[in-house]
Structures are given as C-alpha cells and as structure tokens.
C-alpha cells in the first residue's frame, strides 16, 4: 500500500467534495448527507484549515482517498484550541490504518506549527465505537456526552466530545 500524505491545497476542493460525497453515502460515514456537501461547504473548511489550522489529504495511485482537517474558531479566548475536526476515509481503503496515519500526522503538524495550541477537539457519535477506540488510542479523552444531539440512522443518539491535550513543554523546549 503506497499512501502519500500531504498538506491540503485549494486545488484539492473538487476531489475532496467527491470523497466526502462517497463517504457520506455510507451509513454514519459523515454527519452531512451527500446533497449537503456543496462547493461552498468544502471551500469554507478548506480555506479555514489552510489559513488557520491543518488540512491533510491522503492519495493512493493518484486518487484522493482520505482527508482530515481542523482549524481555529478565530476567537481570541479559544486561540489555544483547534476544533471542527472532520475525517473522511474512502470505504475502499478503510481498515488499512490510513485514518490513524492522518491523525498522527495532524497532531505532529499541530505541535510544530501551533506550539500555543493546548487542545484539539472533536465530536463523535456514541455508536461509532471503532472511531472512539481509535481516538482514545491516539490520546483523546472523553469529556462528557451531548444526549440526544444526533438524529441518524440509529435513531436519536449522543455525541461524545473528546479532546487531545498537548504534552507539557520539556525543559529543552522551554530553553529554546
């Protein structure tokens, strides 16, 4: 499996939209339905992640097969937080560790490009136990429950807020 991960660029918009529409057709793949994945939606998060966060794409054999992004809200009181994480992995490559690689790469980018960021936040449906397990393995911690927040194919369910907290600076990093 030859997967290349790189930072997102504006020219990825069309391929990202196609990926999101494919993934959204899968039950629980994304919160948005295919018709809700518009050019405006993709342009919005792509621009925010390029200019105020981190956006990454994964390509295999020249085709975009996964994307992840997070960005700042733009409010000073939350300047130490990146949120609105969304990840989409094409069903044809799920189970191959691509999501894990994207998350690990994203967290490395956060630590190097945004040393002031102390937390990265996400929401996950309570029935998405596979994702919750992955997030916990990556160091995200559960921070509560939003009961009855999601109306999906499994009925009304909770959203689980989770956050990754940046490791404290080491003596070496404080000296630099």
Foldseek 3Di string as FASTA:
>chain_A
DDKDKDFDDPVCLVLVLVLVQQQQVDFQSDQDHNVPSDSVVSNVQSVQQVPFHTKMFMDDPRHTFKIWGWGFPPDPVQSQEIEPIDMGGRPVCPPVCPVVVVVVVRVVCCCVVPVSHFKYKYKDWPVPVVVVVSCVVVAKDWDDWDFQPGQGPVGGTIITMIMHGDDDDDPVVVVD
